């Protein structure tokens, strides 16, 4: 395997594990909190806002690390 293939494999595994964690720790509790189907669907839809916030926070943290890397590494 090339270094590029290893990088893609690690990225794909991280994505799968992150999605599994999101489903297990956020979507499933939101789904099981309600008894009516429409309430469950609404709660599941609202978890997309949580996903968007987590993606935004992760992107901001990654951008900050990339921007300040020369100060962090020194």
Protein backbone atom coordinates (compact mmCIF):
# COMPACT_ATOMS: atom_id res chain seq x y z
CA UNK A 1 0.00 0.00 0.00
CA UNK A 2 1.18 3.48 -0.75
CA UNK A 3 1.26 6.23 1.84
CA UNK A 4 -1.66 7.90 0.09
CA UNK A 5 -3.74 4.71 0.26
CA UNK A 6 -2.99 4.35 3.97
CA UNK A 7 -4.06 7.95 4.54
CA UNK A 8 -7.36 7.34 2.72
CA UNK A 9 -7.93 4.12 4.65
CA UNK A 10 -7.34 5.80 8.00
CA UNK A 11 -9.63 8.70 7.01
CA UNK A 12 -12.37 6.31 5.92
CA UNK A 13 -12.12 4.30 9.14
CA UNK A 14 -12.26 7.46 11.23
CA UNK A 15 -15.33 8.60 9.31
CA UNK A 16 -17.09 5.29 9.83
CA UNK A 17 -16.27 5.22 13.54
CA UNK A 18 -17.38 8.83 13.99
CA UNK A 19 -20.69 8.13 12.22
CA UNK A 20 -21.23 5.03 14.37
CA UNK A 21 -20.53 7.05 17.53
CA UNK A 22 -22.93 9.79 16.41
CA UNK A 23 -25.67 7.26 15.78
CA UNK A 24 -25.04 5.36 19.02
CA UNK A 25 -24.67 8.35 21.34
CA UNK A 26 -26.96 10.98 19.80
CA UNK A 27 -29.49 9.51 17.36
CA UNK A 28 -30.48 6.40 19.33
CA UNK A 29 -31.16 8.28 22.61
CA UNK A 30 -33.16 10.91 20.68
CA UNK A 31 -35.17 8.16 18.97
CA UNK A 32 -35.89 6.22 22.16
CA UNK A 33 -36.92 9.30 24.13
CA UNK A 34 -40.30 9.48 22.41
CA UNK A 35 -43.09 7.01 21.74
CA UNK A 36 -44.95 8.46 18.75
CA UNK A 37 -43.43 7.96 15.33
CA UNK A 38 -43.69 11.61 14.28
CA UNK A 39 -41.96 12.71 17.50
CA UNK A 40 -39.18 10.20 16.90
CA UNK A 41 -38.72 11.39 13.33
CA UNK A 42 -38.67 15.03 14.46
CA UNK A 43 -36.09 14.28 17.15
CA UNK A 44 -33.97 12.37 14.65
CA UNK A 45 -34.20 15.27 12.20
CA UNK A 46 -33.13 17.72 14.92
CA UNK A 47 -30.03 15.65 15.60
CA UNK A 48 -28.80 16.90 12.22
CA UNK A 49 -28.31 20.29 13.90
CA UNK A 50 -26.11 18.59 16.47
CA UNK A 51 -24.16 16.92 13.67
CA UNK A 52 -23.72 20.28 11.91
CA UNK A 53 -22.47 21.87 15.14
CA UNK A 54 -20.00 19.03 15.72
CA UNK A 55 -18.71 19.28 12.14
CA UNK A 56 -18.36 23.05 12.45
CA UNK A 57 -16.48 22.75 15.75
CA UNK A 58 -14.17 20.09 14.33
CA UNK A 59 -13.49 22.14 11.22
CA UNK A 60 -12.75 25.23 13.29
CA UNK A 61 -10.41 23.30 15.57
CA UNK A 62 -8.60 21.76 12.61
CA UNK A 63 -8.25 25.12 10.91
CA UNK A 64 -6.91 26.67 14.11
CA UNK A 65 -4.33 23.91 14.48
CA UNK A 66 -3.27 24.28 10.85
CA UNK A 67 -3.04 28.07 11.15
CA UNK A 68 -1.07 28.08 14.40
CA UNK A 69 1.03 24.96 13.69
CA UNK A 70 4.31 26.87 13.46
CA UNK A 71 3.74 28.29 16.96
CA UNK A 72 2.54 24.98 18.40
CA UNK A 73 5.41 22.90 17.02
CA UNK A 74 8.15 25.28 18.11
